[in-house]
Amino acid sequence: MTTPQISQDPLYQMLRHDDVEGFNRARQAGTACDLRGCDLRGLDLRKLELAGMDLTDAYFRGADLRGIDFRGCRLDGASLADAKISGCYFPVEIRAEEIFLSVSHGIRLRHPE
């Protein structure tokens, strides 16, 4: 298991400072962002646009993820412990039981190929 990282990536820092709109604008403008293994615990990420992002090993403990569309995202090893996930879309490859166990018990998601 990897330890969640505090990245110096400028877009990641926007999320850490509650600037979801700025993150979305930067991504729409084509700015790349690497959130693999990042510590996103406790953040309010509602309205975050993550289309096609690799979120391998991302740590979302206690984050507010309501309404996020994770379809097309890579979530292998991500943890959703105690996260708010109402209204989220998840990749169809990840079973509902797997998501439930991640939210309730903190297991890392397994995203099959």
N, C-alpha and C. Protein backbone atom coordinates (compact mmCIF):
# COMPACT_ATOMS: atom_id res chain seq x y z
N MET A 1 0.84 -1.18 0.00
CA MET A 1 0.00 0.00 0.00
C MET A 1 0.88 1.24 0.00
N THR A 2 0.49 2.21 -0.79
CA THR A 2 1.25 3.45 -0.84
C THR A 2 0.73 4.44 0.20
N THR A 3 1.59 5.31 0.63
CA THR A 3 1.21 6.37 1.56
C THR A 3 0.70 7.55 0.75
N PRO A 4 -0.45 8.12 1.10
CA PRO A 4 -0.97 9.27 0.35
C PRO A 4 0.04 10.43 0.36
N GLN A 5 0.17 11.07 -0.80
CA GLN A 5 1.18 12.11 -0.99
C GLN A 5 0.55 13.50 -1.08
N ILE A 6 1.25 14.47 -0.56
CA ILE A 6 0.90 15.88 -0.75
C ILE A 6 1.78 16.34 -1.92
N SER A 7 1.16 16.45 -3.08
CA SER A 7 1.88 16.80 -4.30
C SER A 7 2.07 18.31 -4.41
N GLN A 8 3.09 18.70 -5.15
CA GLN A 8 3.31 20.12 -5.44
C GLN A 8 2.70 20.53 -6.77
N ASP A 9 2.00 19.60 -7.43
CA ASP A 9 1.32 19.89 -8.68
C ASP A 9 0.37 21.07 -8.46
N PRO A 10 0.45 22.12 -9.30
CA PRO A 10 -0.38 23.31 -9.09
C PRO A 10 -1.88 23.02 -9.08
N LEU A 11 -2.34 22.09 -9.92
CA LEU A 11 -3.77 21.78 -9.93
C LEU A 11 -4.18 21.04 -8.67
N TYR A 12 -3.34 20.15 -8.20
CA TYR A 12 -3.61 19.47 -6.93
C TYR A 12 -3.69 20.49 -5.80
N GLN A 13 -2.79 21.45 -5.80
CA GLN A 13 -2.80 22.49 -4.77
C GLN A 13 -4.09 23.31 -4.82
N MET A 14 -4.65 23.50 -6.03
CA MET A 14 -5.94 24.19 -6.13
C MET A 14 -7.01 23.42 -5.35
N LEU A 15 -7.01 22.10 -5.49
CA LEU A 15 -8.00 21.28 -4.77
C LEU A 15 -7.79 21.38 -3.27
N ARG A 16 -6.56 21.39 -2.83
CA ARG A 16 -6.24 21.50 -1.40
C ARG A 16 -6.70 22.84 -0.83
N HIS A 17 -6.83 23.84 -1.71
CA HIS A 17 -7.26 25.18 -1.28
C HIS A 17 -8.69 25.48 -1.71
N ASP A 18 -9.49 24.43 -1.90
CA ASP A 18 -10.92 24.55 -2.20
C ASP A 18 -11.24 25.31 -3.48
N ASP A 19 -10.37 25.21 -4.49
CA ASP A 19 -10.63 25.89 -5.77
C ASP A 19 -10.97 24.86 -6.85
N VAL A 20 -12.12 24.21 -6.68
CA VAL A 20 -12.57 23.20 -7.64
C VAL A 20 -12.84 23.84 -9.00
N GLU A 21 -13.44 25.02 -9.01
CA GLU A 21 -13.73 25.72 -10.27
C GLU A 21 -12.45 26.05 -11.03
N GLY A 22 -11.43 26.50 -10.32
CA GLY A 22 -10.14 26.78 -10.96
C GLY A 22 -9.51 25.53 -11.53
N PHE A 23 -9.61 24.42 -10.80
CA PHE A 23 -9.11 23.14 -11.27
C PHE A 23 -9.82 22.76 -12.56
N ASN A 24 -11.15 22.84 -12.56
CA ASN A 24 -11.92 22.47 -13.75
C ASN A 24 -11.56 23.36 -14.94
N ARG A 25 -11.42 24.66 -14.73
CA ARG A 25 -11.05 25.57 -15.83
C ARG A 25 -9.67 25.22 -16.38
N ALA A 26 -8.72 24.96 -15.50
CA ALA A 26 -7.37 24.61 -15.94
C ALA A 26 -7.36 23.31 -16.74
N ARG A 27 -8.12 22.32 -16.28
CA ARG A 27 -8.21 21.05 -17.02
C ARG A 27 -8.86 21.24 -18.38
N GLN A 28 -9.92 22.06 -18.44
CA GLN A 28 -10.59 22.33 -19.72
C GLN A 28 -9.66 23.05 -20.69
N ALA A 29 -8.73 23.83 -20.14
CA ALA A 29 -7.76 24.55 -20.97
C ALA A 29 -6.60 23.65 -21.40
N GLY A 30 -6.62 22.39 -20.94
CA GLY A 30 -5.60 21.44 -21.37
C GLY A 30 -4.44 21.24 -20.41
N THR A 31 -4.49 21.82 -19.23
CA THR A 31 -3.42 21.65 -18.26
C THR A 31 -3.47 20.24 -17.69
N ALA A 32 -2.34 19.57 -17.70
CA ALA A 32 -2.25 18.21 -17.18
C ALA A 32 -2.16 18.23 -15.66
N CYS A 33 -2.65 17.16 -15.06
CA CYS A 33 -2.59 17.02 -13.60
C CYS A 33 -2.44 15.55 -13.26
N ASP A 34 -1.57 15.27 -12.32
CA ASP A 34 -1.35 13.90 -11.87
C ASP A 34 -1.84 13.77 -10.44
N LEU A 35 -2.94 13.05 -10.24
CA LEU A 35 -3.50 12.84 -8.91
C LEU A 35 -3.26 11.42 -8.40
N ARG A 36 -2.42 10.66 -9.08
CA ARG A 36 -2.13 9.30 -8.61
C ARG A 36 -1.47 9.35 -7.24
N GLY A 37 -2.05 8.61 -6.31
CA GLY A 37 -1.48 8.51 -4.98
C GLY A 37 -1.64 9.74 -4.11
N CYS A 38 -2.43 10.70 -4.55
CA CYS A 38 -2.56 11.96 -3.81
C CYS A 38 -3.50 11.85 -2.61
N ASP A 39 -3.22 12.65 -1.62
CA ASP A 39 -4.01 12.74 -0.40
C ASP A 39 -5.12 13.76 -0.63
N LEU A 40 -6.36 13.28 -0.80
CA LEU A 40 -7.51 14.14 -1.03
C LEU A 40 -8.51 14.01 0.12
N ARG A 41 -8.02 13.57 1.26
CA ARG A 41 -8.91 13.31 2.39
C ARG A 41 -9.56 14.59 2.91
N GLY A 42 -10.87 14.45 3.21
CA GLY A 42 -11.61 15.52 3.84
C GLY A 42 -11.95 16.71 2.95
N LEU A 43 -11.61 16.66 1.68
CA LEU A 43 -11.85 17.81 0.80
C LEU A 43 -13.28 17.80 0.25
N ASP A 44 -13.81 18.98 -0.01
CA ASP A 44 -15.11 19.13 -0.66
C ASP A 44 -14.83 19.17 -2.16
N LEU A 45 -15.07 18.07 -2.83
CA LEU A 45 -14.75 17.95 -4.26
C LEU A 45 -15.99 17.91 -5.14
N ARG A 46 -17.13 18.30 -4.58
CA ARG A 46 -18.35 18.34 -5.40
C ARG A 46 -18.10 19.22 -6.62
N LYS A 47 -18.67 18.80 -7.75
CA LYS A 47 -18.57 19.48 -9.04
C LYS A 47 -17.19 19.34 -9.70
N LEU A 48 -16.33 18.48 -9.14
CA LEU A 48 -15.02 18.22 -9.73
C LEU A 48 -15.19 17.42 -11.02
N GLU A 49 -14.52 17.85 -12.06
CA GLU A 49 -14.57 17.16 -13.35
C GLU A 49 -13.29 16.36 -13.54
N LEU A 50 -13.44 15.04 -13.56
CA LEU A 50 -12.29 14.13 -13.58
C LEU A 50 -12.21 13.27 -14.83
N ALA A 51 -12.91 13.61 -15.87
CA ALA A 51 -13.01 12.77 -17.07
C ALA A 51 -11.66 12.18 -17.48
N GLY A 52 -11.59 10.84 -17.48
CA GLY A 52 -10.43 10.13 -17.97
C GLY A 52 -9.19 10.17 -17.11
N MET A 53 -9.28 10.66 -15.88
CA MET A 53 -8.07 10.78 -15.05
C MET A 53 -7.67 9.45 -14.42
N ASP A 54 -6.38 9.32 -14.20
CA ASP A 54 -5.83 8.17 -13.49
C ASP A 54 -5.77 8.54 -12.01
N LEU A 55 -6.61 7.90 -11.21
CA LEU A 55 -6.68 8.17 -9.77
C LEU A 55 -6.17 6.97 -8.97
N THR A 56 -5.26 6.21 -9.56
CA THR A 56 -4.67 5.05 -8.90
C THR A 56 -4.12 5.47 -7.54
N ASP A 57 -4.49 4.71 -6.51
CA ASP A 57 -4.02 4.91 -5.14
C ASP A 57 -4.41 6.24 -4.52
N ALA A 58 -5.35 6.98 -5.12
CA ALA A 58 -5.81 8.24 -4.51
C ALA A 58 -6.51 7.94 -3.19
N TYR A 59 -6.39 8.85 -2.25
CA TYR A 59 -6.92 8.66 -0.90
C TYR A 59 -8.01 9.70 -0.64
N PHE A 60 -9.27 9.25 -0.66
CA PHE A 60 -10.44 10.12 -0.54
C PHE A 60 -11.13 10.03 0.82
N ARG A 61 -10.44 9.58 1.85
CA ARG A 61 -11.08 9.38 3.16
C ARG A 61 -11.83 10.64 3.61
N GLY A 62 -13.13 10.47 3.89
CA GLY A 62 -13.94 11.56 4.41
C GLY A 62 -14.22 12.70 3.43
N ALA A 63 -13.84 12.54 2.17
CA ALA A 63 -14.07 13.60 1.18
C ALA A 63 -15.53 13.64 0.76
N ASP A 64 -15.97 14.81 0.33
CA ASP A 64 -17.32 14.97 -0.21
C ASP A 64 -17.23 14.83 -1.72
N LEU A 65 -17.62 13.68 -2.22
CA LEU A 65 -17.51 13.35 -3.64
C LEU A 65 -18.87 13.37 -4.33
N ARG A 66 -19.89 13.85 -3.66
CA ARG A 66 -21.25 13.76 -4.19
C ARG A 66 -21.35 14.32 -5.60
N GLY A 67 -21.93 13.48 -6.48
CA GLY A 67 -22.21 13.88 -7.85
C GLY A 67 -21.05 13.76 -8.82
N ILE A 68 -19.89 13.30 -8.39
CA ILE A 68 -18.74 13.18 -9.30
C ILE A 68 -18.94 12.01 -10.26
N ASP A 69 -18.56 12.22 -11.49
CA ASP A 69 -18.63 11.18 -12.51
C ASP A 69 -17.23 10.56 -12.66
N PHE A 70 -17.06 9.37 -12.09
CA PHE A 70 -15.77 8.67 -12.15
C PHE A 70 -15.69 7.73 -13.36
N ARG A 71 -16.73 7.69 -14.20
CA ARG A 71 -16.68 6.81 -15.36
C ARG A 71 -15.49 7.22 -16.23
N GLY A 72 -14.75 6.25 -16.69
CA GLY A 72 -13.59 6.53 -17.52
C GLY A 72 -12.34 6.82 -16.71
N CYS A 73 -12.46 6.88 -15.39
CA CYS A 73 -11.29 7.12 -14.53
C CYS A 73 -10.70 5.79 -14.07
N ARG A 74 -9.44 5.79 -13.83
CA ARG A 74 -8.74 4.62 -13.28
C ARG A 74 -8.73 4.76 -11.76
N LEU A 75 -9.31 3.79 -11.04
CA LEU A 75 -9.45 3.89 -9.58
C LEU A 75 -8.78 2.75 -8.83
N ASP A 76 -7.88 2.02 -9.46
CA ASP A 76 -7.23 0.89 -8.81
C ASP A 76 -6.44 1.38 -7.58
N GLY A 77 -6.76 0.80 -6.43
CA GLY A 77 -6.06 1.15 -5.20
C GLY A 77 -6.58 2.39 -4.51
N ALA A 78 -7.60 3.04 -5.06
CA ALA A 78 -8.16 4.23 -4.41
C ALA A 78 -8.94 3.81 -3.17
N SER A 79 -8.96 4.68 -2.16
CA SER A 79 -9.72 4.43 -0.94
C SER A 79 -10.80 5.48 -0.79
N LEU A 80 -12.03 5.01 -0.51
CA LEU A 80 -13.19 5.89 -0.35
C LEU A 80 -13.70 5.87 1.10
N ALA A 81 -12.87 5.51 2.04
CA ALA A 81 -13.31 5.35 3.43
C ALA A 81 -14.05 6.59 3.92
N ASP A 82 -15.27 6.37 4.40
CA ASP A 82 -16.11 7.43 4.99
C ASP A 82 -16.40 8.59 4.05
N ALA A 83 -16.21 8.40 2.75
CA ALA A 83 -16.50 9.47 1.78
C ALA A 83 -18.00 9.54 1.52
N LYS A 84 -18.45 10.73 1.13
CA LYS A 84 -19.84 10.92 0.73
C LYS A 84 -19.91 10.68 -0.77
N ILE A 85 -20.65 9.66 -1.19
CA ILE A 85 -20.64 9.28 -2.61
C ILE A 85 -22.01 9.33 -3.27
N SER A 86 -22.98 9.94 -2.62
CA SER A 86 -24.32 10.02 -3.19
C SER A 86 -24.29 10.68 -4.57
N GLY A 87 -24.93 10.04 -5.53
CA GLY A 87 -25.03 10.60 -6.87
C GLY A 87 -23.81 10.40 -7.75
N CYS A 88 -22.80 9.67 -7.27
CA CYS A 88 -21.60 9.42 -8.07
C CYS A 88 -21.86 8.36 -9.13
N TYR A 89 -21.18 8.49 -10.24
CA TYR A 89 -21.09 7.43 -11.23
C TYR A 89 -19.72 6.79 -11.05
N PHE A 90 -19.67 5.46 -11.06
CA PHE A 90 -18.40 4.74 -10.98
C PHE A 90 -18.23 3.89 -12.23
N PRO A 91 -17.00 3.54 -12.57
CA PRO A 91 -16.78 2.66 -13.72
C PRO A 91 -17.57 1.36 -13.55
N VAL A 92 -18.19 0.90 -14.61
CA VAL A 92 -19.03 -0.31 -14.53
C VAL A 92 -18.21 -1.54 -14.14
N GLU A 93 -16.91 -1.50 -14.34
CA GLU A 93 -16.06 -2.64 -14.01
C GLU A 93 -15.93 -2.85 -12.50
N ILE A 94 -16.21 -1.82 -11.71
CA ILE A 94 -16.09 -1.93 -10.25
C ILE A 94 -17.46 -2.26 -9.68
N ARG A 95 -17.52 -3.41 -9.02
CA ARG A 95 -18.79 -3.89 -8.48
C ARG A 95 -19.26 -3.01 -7.32
N ALA A 96 -20.57 -2.91 -7.16
CA ALA A 96 -21.16 -2.10 -6.09
C ALA A 96 -20.67 -2.55 -4.71
N GLU A 97 -20.51 -3.87 -4.52
CA GLU A 97 -20.02 -4.39 -3.24
C GLU A 97 -18.63 -3.87 -2.93
N GLU A 98 -17.82 -3.76 -3.95
CA GLU A 98 -16.45 -3.26 -3.78
C GLU A 98 -16.47 -1.80 -3.32
N ILE A 99 -17.34 -1.02 -3.93
CA ILE A 99 -17.48 0.40 -3.56
C ILE A 99 -17.99 0.50 -2.12
N PHE A 100 -19.01 -0.30 -1.79
CA PHE A 100 -19.55 -0.30 -0.43
C PHE A 100 -18.46 -0.64 0.59
N LEU A 101 -17.67 -1.66 0.33
CA LEU A 101 -16.62 -2.06 1.26
C LEU A 101 -15.55 -0.99 1.40
N SER A 102 -15.28 -0.27 0.33
CA SER A 102 -14.30 0.81 0.41
C SER A 102 -14.81 1.95 1.27
N VAL A 103 -16.09 2.32 1.08
CA VAL A 103 -16.67 3.41 1.87
C VAL A 103 -16.80 3.01 3.34
N SER A 104 -17.28 1.80 3.61
CA SER A 104 -17.57 1.41 4.99
C SER A 104 -16.37 0.87 5.76
N HIS A 105 -15.42 0.23 5.05
CA HIS A 105 -14.29 -0.39 5.74
C HIS A 105 -12.92 0.10 5.27
N GLY A 106 -12.90 0.96 4.28
CA GLY A 106 -11.64 1.54 3.84
C GLY A 106 -10.78 0.66 2.95
N ILE A 107 -11.35 -0.44 2.43
CA ILE A 107 -10.52 -1.26 1.55
C ILE A 107 -10.18 -0.47 0.28
N ARG A 108 -9.08 -0.80 -0.32
CA ARG A 108 -8.69 -0.18 -1.58
C ARG A 108 -9.47 -0.82 -2.71
N LEU A 109 -9.93 0.00 -3.65
CA LEU A 109 -10.70 -0.52 -4.78
C LEU A 109 -9.81 -1.34 -5.70
N ARG A 110 -10.38 -2.37 -6.27
CA ARG A 110 -9.70 -3.15 -7.30
C ARG A 110 -10.41 -2.84 -8.60
N HIS A 111 -9.68 -2.27 -9.52
CA HIS A 111 -10.25 -1.89 -10.81
C HIS A 111 -9.74 -2.89 -11.86
N PRO A 112 -10.57 -3.88 -12.19
CA PRO A 112 -10.14 -4.90 -13.15
C PRO A 112 -9.83 -4.31 -14.52
N GLU A 113 -8.93 -4.93 -15.19
CA GLU A 113 -8.56 -4.50 -16.56
C GLU A 113 -9.67 -4.80 -17.53
